[in-house]
Amino acid sequence: MPRSRRKKETLSTLQDAELMAVVLEGRHGTLAAEVADFFALLHKQLGDVSRSRAWGGVARSVRRREHDRLEAA
């Protein structure tokens, strides 16, 4: 796969993780990271590694956003 396409897919994945983090925070509040971790573990147990990694990225995004908010306060 060409390097430029891989970079574009990575950027898209990061944007998707950020969007999902926002949605989870809106629906689940302080439990958003735990919800994402649950889905990461579920997909890992089901053998879907790519979705597990994606949900893990969402959990990291939620935690980073929480950390950024706490630092700003």
N, C-alpha and C. Protein backbone atom coordinates (compact mmCIF):
# COMPACT_ATOMS: atom_id res chain seq x y z
N MET A 1 0.85 -1.17 0.00
CA MET A 1 0.00 0.00 0.00
C MET A 1 0.90 1.24 0.00
N PRO A 2 0.61 2.23 -0.86
CA PRO A 2 1.42 3.44 -0.90
C PRO A 2 1.41 4.17 0.44
N ARG A 3 2.54 4.78 0.74
CA ARG A 3 2.70 5.45 2.02
C ARG A 3 1.68 6.57 2.22
N SER A 4 1.38 7.35 1.17
CA SER A 4 0.43 8.46 1.30
C SER A 4 -0.96 7.96 1.64
N ARG A 5 -1.36 6.84 1.07
CA ARG A 5 -2.68 6.27 1.36
C ARG A 5 -2.74 5.77 2.81
N ARG A 6 -1.67 5.13 3.27
CA ARG A 6 -1.61 4.64 4.64
C ARG A 6 -1.72 5.81 5.62
N LYS A 7 -1.03 6.91 5.33
CA LYS A 7 -1.09 8.09 6.19
C LYS A 7 -2.50 8.66 6.23
N LYS A 8 -3.18 8.70 5.08
CA LYS A 8 -4.54 9.21 5.02
C LYS A 8 -5.49 8.33 5.83
N GLU A 9 -5.32 6.99 5.73
CA GLU A 9 -6.16 6.08 6.50
C GLU A 9 -5.92 6.25 7.99
N THR A 10 -4.67 6.45 8.39
CA THR A 10 -4.35 6.66 9.80
C THR A 10 -5.00 7.94 10.30
N LEU A 11 -4.94 9.00 9.52
CA LEU A 11 -5.56 10.26 9.91
C LEU A 11 -7.06 10.08 10.04
N SER A 12 -7.67 9.39 9.08
CA SER A 12 -9.10 9.14 9.13
C SER A 12 -9.46 8.33 10.38
N THR A 13 -8.65 7.34 10.72
CA THR A 13 -8.90 6.52 11.90
C THR A 13 -8.82 7.37 13.16
N LEU A 14 -7.86 8.27 13.23
CA LEU A 14 -7.74 9.15 14.39
C LEU A 14 -8.96 10.07 14.50
N GLN A 15 -9.41 10.59 13.38
CA GLN A 15 -10.59 11.45 13.38
C GLN A 15 -11.83 10.66 13.81
N ASP A 16 -11.93 9.42 13.34
CA ASP A 16 -13.05 8.57 13.73
C ASP A 16 -13.02 8.29 15.23
N ALA A 17 -11.83 8.03 15.77
CA ALA A 17 -11.71 7.76 17.21
C ALA A 17 -12.11 9.00 18.01
N GLU A 18 -11.71 10.17 17.55
CA GLU A 18 -12.09 11.40 18.24
C GLU A 18 -13.60 11.60 18.22
N LEU A 19 -14.22 11.36 17.06
CA LEU A 19 -15.66 11.50 16.95
C LEU A 19 -16.38 10.52 17.87
N MET A 20 -15.94 9.28 17.89
CA MET A 20 -16.55 8.29 18.77
C MET A 20 -16.35 8.66 20.23
N ALA A 21 -15.19 9.24 20.56
CA ALA A 21 -14.94 9.68 21.94
C ALA A 21 -15.95 10.74 22.34
N VAL A 22 -16.22 11.67 21.46
CA VAL A 22 -17.19 12.73 21.75
C VAL A 22 -18.59 12.14 21.95
N VAL A 23 -18.96 11.21 21.08
CA VAL A 23 -20.29 10.58 21.18
C VAL A 23 -20.41 9.79 22.49
N LEU A 24 -19.39 9.01 22.82
CA LEU A 24 -19.44 8.23 24.07
C LEU A 24 -19.49 9.13 25.29
N GLU A 25 -18.73 10.21 25.28
CA GLU A 25 -18.77 11.14 26.41
C GLU A 25 -20.15 11.75 26.56
N GLY A 26 -20.79 12.05 25.44
CA GLY A 26 -22.13 12.62 25.49
C GLY A 26 -23.16 11.64 26.01
N ARG A 27 -23.02 10.39 25.67
CA ARG A 27 -24.02 9.39 26.06
C ARG A 27 -23.73 8.74 27.41
N HIS A 28 -22.42 8.59 27.75
CA HIS A 28 -22.07 7.83 28.95
C HIS A 28 -21.28 8.62 29.99
N GLY A 29 -21.01 9.88 29.71
CA GLY A 29 -20.33 10.74 30.68
C GLY A 29 -19.00 10.18 31.13
N THR A 30 -18.82 10.11 32.44
CA THR A 30 -17.54 9.69 33.01
C THR A 30 -17.23 8.21 32.77
N LEU A 31 -18.21 7.46 32.32
CA LEU A 31 -18.00 6.03 32.05
C LEU A 31 -17.59 5.75 30.60
N ALA A 32 -17.37 6.79 29.81
CA ALA A 32 -17.11 6.63 28.38
C ALA A 32 -15.89 5.76 28.11
N ALA A 33 -14.80 5.97 28.83
CA ALA A 33 -13.58 5.19 28.60
C ALA A 33 -13.82 3.72 28.93
N GLU A 34 -14.56 3.46 29.99
CA GLU A 34 -14.85 2.08 30.37
C GLU A 34 -15.74 1.39 29.34
N VAL A 35 -16.68 2.14 28.76
CA VAL A 35 -17.53 1.58 27.71
C VAL A 35 -16.68 1.20 26.50
N ALA A 36 -15.77 2.08 26.11
CA ALA A 36 -14.89 1.78 24.97
C ALA A 36 -13.99 0.59 25.29
N ASP A 37 -13.48 0.52 26.51
CA ASP A 37 -12.67 -0.64 26.91
C ASP A 37 -13.47 -1.94 26.84
N PHE A 38 -14.73 -1.87 27.24
CA PHE A 38 -15.60 -3.05 27.17
C PHE A 38 -15.70 -3.55 25.73
N PHE A 39 -15.97 -2.63 24.79
CA PHE A 39 -16.09 -3.03 23.40
C PHE A 39 -14.76 -3.53 22.84
N ALA A 40 -13.64 -2.94 23.27
CA ALA A 40 -12.33 -3.42 22.83
C ALA A 40 -12.11 -4.86 23.28
N LEU A 41 -12.44 -5.15 24.53
CA LEU A 41 -12.28 -6.51 25.05
C LEU A 41 -13.24 -7.48 24.38
N LEU A 42 -14.48 -7.06 24.17
CA LEU A 42 -15.47 -7.91 23.51
C LEU A 42 -14.99 -8.32 22.12
N HIS A 43 -14.55 -7.35 21.33
CA HIS A 43 -14.11 -7.66 19.97
C HIS A 43 -12.83 -8.49 19.97
N LYS A 44 -11.98 -8.28 20.96
CA LYS A 44 -10.77 -9.11 21.06
C LYS A 44 -11.16 -10.57 21.33
N GLN A 45 -12.12 -10.77 22.23
CA GLN A 45 -12.56 -12.13 22.54
C GLN A 45 -13.27 -12.78 21.36
N LEU A 46 -13.91 -11.96 20.53
CA LEU A 46 -14.60 -12.48 19.35
C LEU A 46 -13.64 -12.71 18.19
N GLY A 47 -12.37 -12.30 18.37
CA GLY A 47 -11.36 -12.52 17.34
C GLY A 47 -11.26 -11.42 16.30
N ASP A 48 -11.90 -10.28 16.54
CA ASP A 48 -11.85 -9.16 15.60
C ASP A 48 -10.82 -8.15 16.10
N VAL A 49 -9.57 -8.38 15.76
CA VAL A 49 -8.47 -7.58 16.29
C VAL A 49 -8.54 -6.13 15.82
N SER A 50 -8.92 -5.91 14.56
CA SER A 50 -8.95 -4.53 14.06
C SER A 50 -9.99 -3.69 14.79
N ARG A 51 -11.15 -4.24 15.06
CA ARG A 51 -12.16 -3.48 15.82
C ARG A 51 -11.73 -3.31 17.27
N SER A 52 -11.09 -4.31 17.82
CA SER A 52 -10.58 -4.19 19.19
C SER A 52 -9.59 -3.04 19.29
N ARG A 53 -8.68 -2.96 18.33
CA ARG A 53 -7.71 -1.85 18.32
C ARG A 53 -8.40 -0.51 18.13
N ALA A 54 -9.42 -0.48 17.28
CA ALA A 54 -10.14 0.78 17.06
C ALA A 54 -10.81 1.26 18.35
N TRP A 55 -11.47 0.34 19.06
CA TRP A 55 -12.10 0.72 20.32
C TRP A 55 -11.07 1.09 21.37
N GLY A 56 -9.92 0.44 21.35
CA GLY A 56 -8.84 0.83 22.25
C GLY A 56 -8.38 2.25 21.98
N GLY A 57 -8.34 2.62 20.70
CA GLY A 57 -8.00 3.99 20.32
C GLY A 57 -9.03 4.98 20.81
N VAL A 58 -10.30 4.59 20.78
CA VAL A 58 -11.37 5.46 21.30
C VAL A 58 -11.20 5.65 22.80
N ALA A 59 -10.90 4.57 23.52
CA ALA A 59 -10.69 4.67 24.97
C ALA A 59 -9.52 5.60 25.29
N ARG A 60 -8.44 5.48 24.51
CA ARG A 60 -7.30 6.39 24.73
C ARG A 60 -7.69 7.83 24.45
N SER A 61 -8.48 8.06 23.41
CA SER A 61 -8.93 9.41 23.08
C SER A 61 -9.77 9.99 24.21
N VAL A 62 -10.67 9.19 24.76
CA VAL A 62 -11.51 9.65 25.86
C VAL A 62 -10.64 10.03 27.06
N ARG A 63 -9.70 9.17 27.39
CA ARG A 63 -8.84 9.45 28.55
C ARG A 63 -7.97 10.69 28.32
N ARG A 64 -7.48 10.85 27.09
CA ARG A 64 -6.67 12.03 26.78
C ARG A 64 -7.51 13.30 26.88
N ARG A 65 -8.74 13.23 26.38
CA ARG A 65 -9.63 14.39 26.46
C ARG A 65 -9.95 14.73 27.92
N GLU A 66 -10.19 13.71 28.75
CA GLU A 66 -10.44 13.94 30.17
C GLU A 66 -9.22 14.59 30.82
N HIS A 67 -8.03 14.08 30.50
CA HIS A 67 -6.80 14.63 31.06
C HIS A 67 -6.61 16.09 30.64
N ASP A 68 -6.87 16.38 29.37
CA ASP A 68 -6.75 17.75 28.87
C ASP A 68 -7.71 18.69 29.58
N ARG A 69 -8.93 18.22 29.82
CA ARG A 69 -9.92 19.05 30.53
C ARG A 69 -9.49 19.33 31.96
N LEU A 70 -8.94 18.31 32.62
CA LEU A 70 -8.49 18.49 34.00
C LEU A 70 -7.31 19.44 34.08
N GLU A 71 -6.41 19.37 33.12
CA GLU A 71 -5.27 20.29 33.09
C GLU A 71 -5.70 21.72 32.85
N ALA A 72 -6.73 21.89 32.03
CA ALA A 72 -7.20 23.24 31.69
C ALA A 72 -7.95 23.89 32.86
N ALA A 73 -8.47 23.08 33.76
CA ALA A 73 -9.26 23.62 34.88
C ALA A 73 -8.38 24.17 35.98
